[in-house]
Amino acid sequence: MEKQISVKVCLGTTCFVMGSSNLQELIETVPKKYGNKVDVAGVPCLGLCSIDWEFSKAPYVKVDDEIIKEATVEKVLKAIDEKLK
């Protein structure tokens, strides 16, 4: 069986304010587009803005081990497509 791709959308305060609220549509879009090949979930906090102290790169999404900064729905779908190739 193929390994499932894990997508974690950070819903922590900074990411949420910086736009991850718009990324919640991934939770509906991804299963329709990829079925069970991709597991998508909102997570309370990925802890990434504490590393990236400027907060300038929020919102964050993690696709497997790849961190997507300034994430958009398009960027996340592109990363998923790349991993499924």
N, C-alpha and C. Protein backbone atom coordinates (compact mmCIF):
# COMPACT_ATOMS: atom_id res chain seq x y z
N MET A 1 0.84 -1.20 0.00
CA MET A 1 0.00 0.00 0.00
C MET A 1 0.87 1.25 0.00
N GLU A 2 0.43 2.23 -0.74
CA GLU A 2 1.19 3.49 -0.80
C GLU A 2 1.17 4.18 0.55
N LYS A 3 2.26 4.87 0.81
CA LYS A 3 2.31 5.66 2.03
C LYS A 3 1.40 6.87 1.86
N GLN A 4 0.68 7.16 2.93
CA GLN A 4 -0.21 8.32 2.90
C GLN A 4 0.60 9.59 3.15
N ILE A 5 0.30 10.63 2.40
CA ILE A 5 0.95 11.93 2.62
C ILE A 5 0.21 12.63 3.76
N SER A 6 0.99 13.16 4.68
CA SER A 6 0.41 13.86 5.83
C SER A 6 0.49 15.37 5.60
N VAL A 7 -0.65 16.04 5.73
CA VAL A 7 -0.70 17.50 5.59
C VAL A 7 -1.21 18.06 6.91
N LYS A 8 -0.40 18.91 7.53
CA LYS A 8 -0.79 19.53 8.80
C LYS A 8 -0.89 21.04 8.60
N VAL A 9 -2.08 21.58 8.81
CA VAL A 9 -2.32 23.01 8.68
C VAL A 9 -2.25 23.61 10.08
N CYS A 10 -1.31 24.54 10.28
CA CYS A 10 -1.19 25.16 11.60
C CYS A 10 -2.34 26.13 11.82
N LEU A 11 -3.04 25.95 12.92
CA LEU A 11 -4.15 26.83 13.27
C LEU A 11 -3.82 27.63 14.53
N GLY A 12 -2.54 27.72 14.87
CA GLY A 12 -2.12 28.54 16.00
C GLY A 12 -2.46 30.00 15.74
N THR A 13 -2.43 30.80 16.79
CA THR A 13 -2.89 32.19 16.69
C THR A 13 -2.20 32.97 15.58
N THR A 14 -0.87 32.94 15.55
CA THR A 14 -0.15 33.73 14.54
C THR A 14 -0.51 33.27 13.14
N CYS A 15 -0.47 31.97 12.90
CA CYS A 15 -0.80 31.45 11.57
C CYS A 15 -2.25 31.77 11.22
N PHE A 16 -3.13 31.63 12.19
CA PHE A 16 -4.55 31.87 11.93
C PHE A 16 -4.76 33.32 11.50
N VAL A 17 -4.14 34.25 12.25
CA VAL A 17 -4.26 35.67 11.95
C VAL A 17 -3.62 35.99 10.59
N MET A 18 -2.54 35.28 10.27
CA MET A 18 -1.81 35.54 9.02
C MET A 18 -2.41 34.79 7.83
N GLY A 19 -3.52 34.11 8.04
CA GLY A 19 -4.22 33.55 6.89
C GLY A 19 -4.50 32.06 6.89
N SER A 20 -4.13 31.32 7.93
CA SER A 20 -4.42 29.89 7.85
C SER A 20 -5.91 29.61 7.92
N SER A 21 -6.69 30.59 8.36
CA SER A 21 -8.14 30.39 8.35
C SER A 21 -8.60 30.10 6.92
N ASN A 22 -7.93 30.71 5.93
CA ASN A 22 -8.27 30.45 4.52
C ASN A 22 -7.85 29.05 4.09
N LEU A 23 -6.90 28.47 4.80
CA LEU A 23 -6.39 27.15 4.42
C LEU A 23 -7.31 26.03 4.90
N GLN A 24 -8.27 26.37 5.74
CA GLN A 24 -9.17 25.33 6.23
C GLN A 24 -9.95 24.68 5.08
N GLU A 25 -10.07 25.40 3.97
CA GLU A 25 -10.75 24.78 2.82
C GLU A 25 -10.00 23.56 2.32
N LEU A 26 -8.70 23.45 2.64
CA LEU A 26 -7.95 22.25 2.26
C LEU A 26 -8.55 21.00 2.89
N ILE A 27 -9.12 21.17 4.09
CA ILE A 27 -9.67 20.02 4.82
C ILE A 27 -10.85 19.43 4.04
N GLU A 28 -11.51 20.26 3.23
CA GLU A 28 -12.58 19.76 2.37
C GLU A 28 -12.07 19.42 0.97
N THR A 29 -11.19 20.26 0.43
CA THR A 29 -10.71 20.11 -0.95
C THR A 29 -9.86 18.86 -1.14
N VAL A 30 -8.91 18.65 -0.24
CA VAL A 30 -7.92 17.57 -0.42
C VAL A 30 -8.55 16.19 -0.49
N PRO A 31 -9.45 15.82 0.45
CA PRO A 31 -10.04 14.48 0.35
C PRO A 31 -10.81 14.28 -0.96
N LYS A 32 -11.48 15.33 -1.46
CA LYS A 32 -12.22 15.20 -2.72
C LYS A 32 -11.26 14.97 -3.87
N LYS A 33 -10.11 15.66 -3.84
CA LYS A 33 -9.18 15.59 -4.96
C LYS A 33 -8.29 14.35 -4.91
N TYR A 34 -7.85 13.97 -3.71
CA TYR A 34 -6.85 12.90 -3.60
C TYR A 34 -7.35 11.65 -2.89
N GLY A 35 -8.59 11.66 -2.42
CA GLY A 35 -9.10 10.49 -1.70
C GLY A 35 -8.25 10.20 -0.47
N ASN A 36 -7.98 8.92 -0.22
CA ASN A 36 -7.26 8.57 1.01
C ASN A 36 -5.74 8.54 0.83
N LYS A 37 -5.24 9.10 -0.30
CA LYS A 37 -3.79 9.17 -0.49
C LYS A 37 -3.18 10.24 0.41
N VAL A 38 -4.03 11.18 0.84
CA VAL A 38 -3.54 12.31 1.62
C VAL A 38 -4.40 12.45 2.87
N ASP A 39 -3.72 12.60 4.01
CA ASP A 39 -4.41 12.85 5.26
C ASP A 39 -4.18 14.31 5.64
N VAL A 40 -5.24 15.08 5.73
CA VAL A 40 -5.09 16.51 6.04
C VAL A 40 -5.77 16.79 7.36
N ALA A 41 -5.10 17.59 8.19
CA ALA A 41 -5.67 17.91 9.50
C ALA A 41 -5.19 19.28 9.94
N GLY A 42 -6.04 19.96 10.69
CA GLY A 42 -5.62 21.19 11.35
C GLY A 42 -4.96 20.80 12.66
N VAL A 43 -3.87 21.47 12.99
CA VAL A 43 -3.18 21.20 14.25
C VAL A 43 -3.12 22.49 15.07
N PRO A 44 -3.14 22.37 16.41
CA PRO A 44 -3.17 23.57 17.25
C PRO A 44 -1.97 24.50 17.00
N CYS A 45 -0.78 23.94 16.83
CA CYS A 45 0.39 24.78 16.56
C CYS A 45 1.55 23.88 16.14
N LEU A 46 2.25 24.29 15.09
CA LEU A 46 3.43 23.54 14.65
C LEU A 46 4.69 24.06 15.35
N GLY A 47 4.58 25.17 16.07
CA GLY A 47 5.72 25.72 16.79
C GLY A 47 6.77 26.35 15.90
N LEU A 48 6.41 26.65 14.65
CA LEU A 48 7.41 27.12 13.70
C LEU A 48 7.70 28.61 13.83
N CYS A 49 6.72 29.40 14.25
CA CYS A 49 6.99 30.84 14.32
C CYS A 49 7.93 31.16 15.47
N SER A 50 8.07 30.24 16.43
CA SER A 50 9.04 30.48 17.51
C SER A 50 10.47 30.29 16.98
N ILE A 51 10.62 29.50 15.91
CA ILE A 51 11.93 29.30 15.27
C ILE A 51 12.19 30.48 14.33
N ASP A 52 11.15 30.82 13.58
CA ASP A 52 11.22 31.88 12.58
C ASP A 52 10.73 33.15 13.27
N TRP A 53 11.56 33.73 14.11
CA TRP A 53 11.14 34.73 15.08
C TRP A 53 10.43 35.95 14.51
N GLU A 54 10.60 36.22 13.24
CA GLU A 54 9.95 37.41 12.69
C GLU A 54 8.46 37.21 12.44
N PHE A 55 8.00 35.99 12.51
CA PHE A 55 6.59 35.65 12.19
C PHE A 55 6.27 35.98 10.75
N SER A 56 7.27 36.36 9.97
CA SER A 56 6.98 36.90 8.65
C SER A 56 6.58 35.82 7.66
N LYS A 57 6.77 34.56 8.01
CA LYS A 57 6.51 33.50 7.03
C LYS A 57 5.23 32.73 7.31
N ALA A 58 4.46 33.14 8.29
CA ALA A 58 3.19 32.47 8.57
C ALA A 58 2.22 32.79 7.44
N PRO A 59 1.23 31.96 7.18
CA PRO A 59 0.93 30.70 7.86
C PRO A 59 1.79 29.54 7.34
N TYR A 60 1.93 28.55 8.20
CA TYR A 60 2.74 27.37 7.88
C TYR A 60 1.86 26.15 7.67
N VAL A 61 2.29 25.32 6.73
CA VAL A 61 1.67 24.01 6.53
C VAL A 61 2.82 23.03 6.37
N LYS A 62 2.66 21.85 6.94
CA LYS A 62 3.68 20.82 6.82
C LYS A 62 3.12 19.71 5.93
N VAL A 63 3.82 19.43 4.83
CA VAL A 63 3.43 18.34 3.93
C VAL A 63 4.52 17.28 4.10
N ASP A 64 4.16 16.17 4.77
CA ASP A 64 5.16 15.21 5.24
C ASP A 64 6.22 15.99 6.03
N ASP A 65 7.49 15.97 5.57
CA ASP A 65 8.52 16.69 6.32
C ASP A 65 8.83 18.06 5.72
N GLU A 66 8.12 18.42 4.66
CA GLU A 66 8.39 19.70 3.99
C GLU A 66 7.55 20.80 4.63
N ILE A 67 8.22 21.86 5.04
CA ILE A 67 7.51 22.99 5.63
C ILE A 67 7.24 24.01 4.54
N ILE A 68 5.98 24.39 4.41
CA ILE A 68 5.60 25.40 3.43
C ILE A 68 5.36 26.69 4.19
N LYS A 69 6.16 27.70 3.87
CA LYS A 69 6.02 29.01 4.50
C LYS A 69 5.07 29.85 3.66
N GLU A 70 4.42 30.82 4.31
CA GLU A 70 3.46 31.69 3.61
C GLU A 70 2.53 30.83 2.76
N ALA A 71 2.01 29.80 3.39
CA ALA A 71 1.23 28.79 2.67
C ALA A 71 -0.05 29.36 2.09
N THR A 72 -0.34 28.88 0.89
CA THR A 72 -1.62 29.15 0.24
C THR A 72 -2.18 27.80 -0.19
N VAL A 73 -3.46 27.78 -0.50
CA VAL A 73 -4.08 26.54 -0.97
C VAL A 73 -3.31 26.04 -2.20
N GLU A 74 -2.97 26.95 -3.12
CA GLU A 74 -2.26 26.57 -4.35
C GLU A 74 -0.90 25.94 -4.03
N LYS A 75 -0.14 26.58 -3.13
CA LYS A 75 1.20 26.06 -2.78
C LYS A 75 1.10 24.67 -2.18
N VAL A 76 0.11 24.46 -1.33
CA VAL A 76 -0.04 23.16 -0.67
C VAL A 76 -0.43 22.09 -1.69
N LEU A 77 -1.38 22.40 -2.56
CA LEU A 77 -1.79 21.43 -3.58
C LEU A 77 -0.62 21.10 -4.51
N LYS A 78 0.20 22.09 -4.83
CA LYS A 78 1.37 21.85 -5.68
C LYS A 78 2.35 20.90 -4.98
N ALA A 79 2.57 21.11 -3.68
CA ALA A 79 3.48 20.25 -2.92
C ALA A 79 2.96 18.81 -2.88
N ILE A 80 1.65 18.66 -2.71
CA ILE A 80 1.05 17.32 -2.69
C ILE A 80 1.25 16.66 -4.06
N ASP A 81 0.96 17.42 -5.13
CA ASP A 81 1.14 16.87 -6.49
C ASP A 81 2.57 16.41 -6.71
N GLU A 82 3.55 17.20 -6.25
CA GLU A 82 4.96 16.85 -6.41
C GLU A 82 5.26 15.50 -5.70
N LYS A 83 4.73 15.35 -4.49
CA LYS A 83 4.99 14.14 -3.71
C LYS A 83 4.30 12.92 -4.31
N LEU A 84 3.21 13.12 -5.00
CA LEU A 84 2.48 11.99 -5.58
C LEU A 84 3.05 11.55 -6.92
N LYS A 85 3.95 12.32 -7.49
CA LYS A 85 4.55 11.97 -8.80
C LYS A 85 5.32 10.67 -8.71
